[in-house]
Amino acid sequence: MNFARFAFTDGVKKLQEKYGSRSSYARMESLMADKDGISEPEQMFIESRDSFYMASIGENGYPYIQHRGGPAGFIKVIDNHTLGVVDFRGNKQYISVGNVMEHPQVSLFLMDYPHKTRLKIYADARVVELADNPELFDLIDPAEYKHTPERMLIFDVKAFDWNCPQHITPRYTVDEIKEAFAPQNEYVLKLEYEIAKLKKQLEEK
């Protein structure tokens, strides 16, 4: 799983040569270890995500990018070469599912916006019907997510790499904002309580 060897095709290398980055990337390619699958840092990151982006290729040759979301932890690491998600009912266009049934090659982007962290993954995707493997469904089903499951998507990981944080704009969920402002909110509540108490004391005089 050497991401550079996988991603740096001949056309990519020509552009690196043209713009002066080939020598440094060639060195990185030679020094980058052949990873034996997903390790603990990647697993922890993957299983804490509540969304990801998936690029697939249509029969027309054009790529299609889809955002997929769910509860934190809905992306399951089945083993160090395999990821799985339950495919829940959506708008019933089935573009991504149809694409991977014709062209299994996909690219996944997993984002942590607050920490400006990105994990990019090359994989082969396959569709597994729920009735064909109920044990697998039990393994990867986020039971607390009350939406209708239709099938499973299994990703055979081919290569992955952490991306540089440059140009990632930090974004925060409502829960993250609430957590960040919890001390200030608590302080405001205490002040309001003290003000109310002082007002009452003044009224009683």
Protein backbone atom coordinates (compact mmCIF):
# COMPACT_ATOMS: atom_id res chain seq x y z
CA MET A 1 0.00 0.00 0.00
CA ASN A 2 2.42 2.65 -1.21
CA PHE A 3 0.11 5.57 -1.98
CA ALA A 4 2.67 7.45 -4.08
CA ARG A 5 3.32 4.48 -6.36
CA PHE A 6 -0.42 4.01 -6.73
CA ALA A 7 -1.31 7.65 -7.37
CA PHE A 8 1.68 8.93 -9.33
CA THR A 9 0.87 7.70 -12.83
CA ASP A 10 3.04 8.55 -15.83
CA GLY A 11 0.91 11.59 -16.62
CA VAL A 12 1.18 12.81 -13.04
CA LYS A 13 4.95 12.35 -13.05
CA LYS A 14 5.27 14.38 -16.24
CA LEU A 15 3.49 17.29 -14.57
CA GLN A 16 5.69 16.95 -11.50
CA GLU A 17 8.73 17.13 -13.78
CA LYS A 18 7.31 20.18 -15.56
CA TYR A 19 6.63 22.11 -12.35
CA GLY A 20 9.75 21.08 -10.46
CA SER A 21 8.36 18.78 -7.77
CA ARG A 22 9.29 15.39 -9.24
CA SER A 23 12.61 14.94 -7.42
CA SER A 24 11.10 15.49 -3.98
CA TYR A 25 8.13 13.24 -4.73
CA ALA A 26 10.40 10.55 -6.18
CA ARG A 27 12.33 10.61 -2.92
CA MET A 28 9.08 10.43 -0.95
CA GLU A 29 7.93 7.52 -3.10
CA SER A 30 11.12 5.57 -2.41
CA LEU A 31 11.04 6.34 1.32
CA MET A 32 7.31 5.76 1.83
CA ALA A 33 6.81 2.43 3.51
CA ASP A 34 4.63 -0.22 1.92
CA LYS A 35 1.87 -0.10 4.51
CA ASP A 36 0.32 -3.39 5.53
CA GLY A 37 -3.19 -2.05 5.58
CA ILE A 38 -5.01 0.25 7.95
CA SER A 39 -3.30 0.78 11.30
CA GLU A 40 -4.68 2.01 14.63
CA PRO A 41 -4.44 5.78 13.91
CA GLU A 42 -6.38 5.37 10.65
CA GLN A 43 -8.97 3.11 12.30
CA MET A 44 -9.58 5.58 15.12
CA PHE A 45 -9.96 8.42 12.61
CA ILE A 46 -12.23 6.47 10.26
CA GLU A 47 -14.52 5.17 12.99
CA SER A 48 -15.00 8.65 14.48
CA ARG A 49 -16.27 10.19 11.22
CA ASP A 50 -19.91 11.05 10.62
CA SER A 51 -19.53 11.59 6.87
CA PHE A 52 -17.29 11.02 3.87
CA TYR A 53 -17.11 11.83 0.18
CA MET A 54 -16.99 9.09 -2.45
CA ALA A 55 -15.96 9.53 -6.08
CA SER A 56 -17.06 6.85 -8.54
CA ILE A 57 -16.91 6.50 -12.33
CA GLY A 58 -20.02 6.28 -14.50
CA GLU A 59 -20.53 4.33 -17.70
CA ASN A 60 -20.22 7.67 -19.51
CA GLY A 61 -16.64 7.96 -18.25
CA TYR A 62 -17.39 10.92 -15.99
CA PRO A 63 -16.67 10.90 -12.26
CA TYR A 64 -19.46 11.46 -9.75
CA ILE A 65 -18.92 12.64 -6.18
CA GLN A 66 -21.38 11.86 -3.43
CA HIS A 67 -21.52 12.94 0.20
CA ARG A 68 -22.52 10.15 2.57
CA GLY A 69 -23.40 10.74 6.19
CA GLY A 70 -24.56 8.95 9.30
CA PRO A 71 -23.90 8.79 13.01
CA ALA A 72 -20.29 9.02 14.16
CA GLY A 73 -18.81 5.56 13.73
CA PHE A 74 -21.04 4.45 10.85
CA ILE A 75 -17.96 3.68 8.75
CA LYS A 76 -16.70 0.35 10.06
CA VAL A 77 -13.18 -1.04 9.77
CA ILE A 78 -13.87 -4.73 9.15
CA ASP A 79 -10.19 -5.62 8.95
CA ASN A 80 -7.00 -3.76 8.05
CA HIS A 81 -7.80 -3.94 4.34
CA THR A 82 -11.60 -3.59 4.37
CA LEU A 83 -14.15 -0.90 5.24
CA GLY A 84 -17.91 -1.24 5.24
CA VAL A 85 -20.97 0.99 5.44
CA VAL A 86 -24.68 0.35 5.36
CA ASP A 87 -26.26 2.07 2.35
CA PHE A 88 -29.44 3.74 3.60
CA ARG A 89 -32.37 4.76 1.46
CA GLY A 90 -31.95 8.22 -0.03
CA ASN A 91 -33.36 9.94 -3.10
CA LYS A 92 -33.46 6.66 -5.09
CA GLN A 93 -31.23 7.91 -7.91
CA TYR A 94 -28.70 5.09 -7.27
CA ILE A 95 -25.94 6.85 -9.21
CA SER A 96 -23.04 5.77 -6.98
CA VAL A 97 -24.37 2.22 -6.57
CA GLY A 98 -24.89 1.88 -10.31
CA ASN A 99 -21.42 3.25 -10.97
CA VAL A 100 -19.58 0.85 -8.67
CA MET A 101 -21.47 -2.12 -10.13
CA GLU A 102 -19.88 -1.21 -13.49
CA HIS A 103 -16.59 0.31 -12.30
CA PRO A 104 -15.57 -0.72 -8.76
CA GLN A 105 -12.72 1.80 -8.50
CA VAL A 106 -13.55 4.59 -6.05
CA SER A 107 -11.80 7.30 -4.10
CA LEU A 108 -12.85 8.28 -0.57
CA PHE A 109 -12.17 11.54 1.26
CA LEU A 110 -12.66 11.56 5.03
CA MET A 111 -12.54 15.01 6.62
CA ASP A 112 -12.00 16.34 10.12
CA TYR A 113 -12.66 20.02 9.52
CA PRO A 114 -12.02 21.36 13.05
CA HIS A 115 -8.53 19.83 13.07
CA LYS A 116 -7.88 20.42 9.33
CA THR A 117 -7.16 16.72 8.80
CA ARG A 118 -7.93 14.66 5.70
CA LEU A 119 -7.52 10.96 4.94
CA LYS A 120 -7.72 9.97 1.28
CA ILE A 121 -8.31 6.37 0.23
CA TYR A 122 -8.22 4.44 -3.03
CA ALA A 123 -10.45 1.35 -2.94
CA ASP A 124 -12.45 -1.14 -4.95
CA ALA A 125 -16.11 -1.03 -3.93
CA ARG A 126 -18.65 -3.83 -4.09
CA VAL A 127 -22.34 -4.00 -3.36
CA VAL A 128 -23.58 -6.64 -0.92
CA GLU A 129 -27.31 -7.20 -0.55
CA LEU A 130 -28.61 -7.37 3.02
CA ALA A 131 -30.13 -10.83 2.58
CA ASP A 132 -26.90 -12.23 1.15
CA ASN A 133 -24.85 -11.63 4.31
CA PRO A 134 -26.93 -10.90 7.44
CA GLU A 135 -23.89 -11.52 9.68
CA LEU A 136 -21.99 -8.74 7.94
CA PHE A 137 -24.99 -6.44 8.29
CA ASP A 138 -25.11 -7.12 12.04
CA LEU A 139 -21.41 -6.26 12.22
CA ILE A 140 -21.57 -2.89 10.47
CA ASP A 141 -25.13 -1.70 11.14
CA PRO A 142 -25.28 1.53 13.21
CA ALA A 143 -28.35 0.31 15.09
CA GLU A 144 -29.10 3.71 16.61
CA TYR A 145 -29.56 5.27 13.14
CA LYS A 146 -33.27 5.00 12.42
CA HIS A 147 -33.26 5.04 8.63
CA THR A 148 -34.09 2.32 6.13
CA PRO A 149 -31.08 0.17 5.10
CA GLU A 150 -31.11 -1.03 1.49
CA ARG A 151 -27.73 -2.71 0.98
CA MET A 152 -24.09 -2.61 2.08
CA LEU A 153 -21.05 -1.08 0.42
CA ILE A 154 -17.76 -2.83 1.10
CA PHE A 155 -14.47 -1.14 0.26
CA ASP A 156 -11.31 -3.15 -0.41
CA VAL A 157 -8.61 -0.60 0.40
CA LYS A 158 -5.80 -0.34 -2.16
CA ALA A 159 -3.88 2.68 -0.84
CA PHE A 160 -4.33 5.58 1.56
CA ASP A 161 -2.51 8.67 2.74
CA TRP A 162 -2.95 11.60 5.08
CA ASN A 163 -3.21 14.89 3.21
CA CYS A 164 -1.68 18.25 4.05
CA PRO A 165 -3.94 20.66 6.01
CA GLN A 166 -3.28 23.59 3.69
CA HIS A 167 -6.45 25.27 2.37
CA ILE A 168 -8.81 23.24 4.60
CA THR A 169 -11.24 25.72 6.16
CA PRO A 170 -12.15 24.72 9.73
CA ARG A 171 -15.87 24.00 10.12
CA TYR A 172 -17.76 22.98 13.24
CA THR A 173 -20.92 21.05 13.98
CA VAL A 174 -23.62 22.39 16.30
CA ASP A 175 -22.53 19.92 18.99
CA GLU A 176 -18.89 21.01 18.68
CA ILE A 177 -19.88 24.67 19.02
CA LYS A 178 -22.04 23.88 22.05
CA GLU A 179 -19.15 22.04 23.67
CA ALA A 180 -16.72 24.88 22.96
CA PHE A 181 -19.04 27.48 24.48
CA ALA A 182 -20.20 25.37 27.43
CA PRO A 183 -17.91 27.13 29.97
CA GLN A 184 -19.05 30.58 28.80
CA ASN A 185 -22.70 29.53 28.92
CA GLU A 186 -22.25 28.18 32.42
CA TYR A 187 -20.59 31.45 33.46
CA VAL A 188 -23.48 33.47 31.99
CA LEU A 189 -26.02 31.33 33.88
CA LYS A 190 -24.16 31.96 37.13
CA LEU A 191 -24.13 35.71 36.47
CA GLU A 192 -27.84 35.70 35.66
CA TYR A 193 -28.51 33.84 38.89
CA GLU A 194 -26.46 36.36 40.89
CA ILE A 195 -28.23 39.29 39.20
CA ALA A 196 -31.65 37.79 39.95
CA LYS A 197 -30.65 37.21 43.57
CA LEU A 198 -29.42 40.81 43.97
CA LYS A 199 -32.60 42.19 42.38
CA LYS A 200 -34.69 40.20 44.82
CA GLN A 201 -32.64 41.49 47.75
CA LEU A 202 -33.13 45.09 46.58
CA GLU A 203 -36.88 44.59 46.17
CA GLU A 204 -37.15 43.25 49.71
CA LYS A 205 -35.50 46.33 51.26
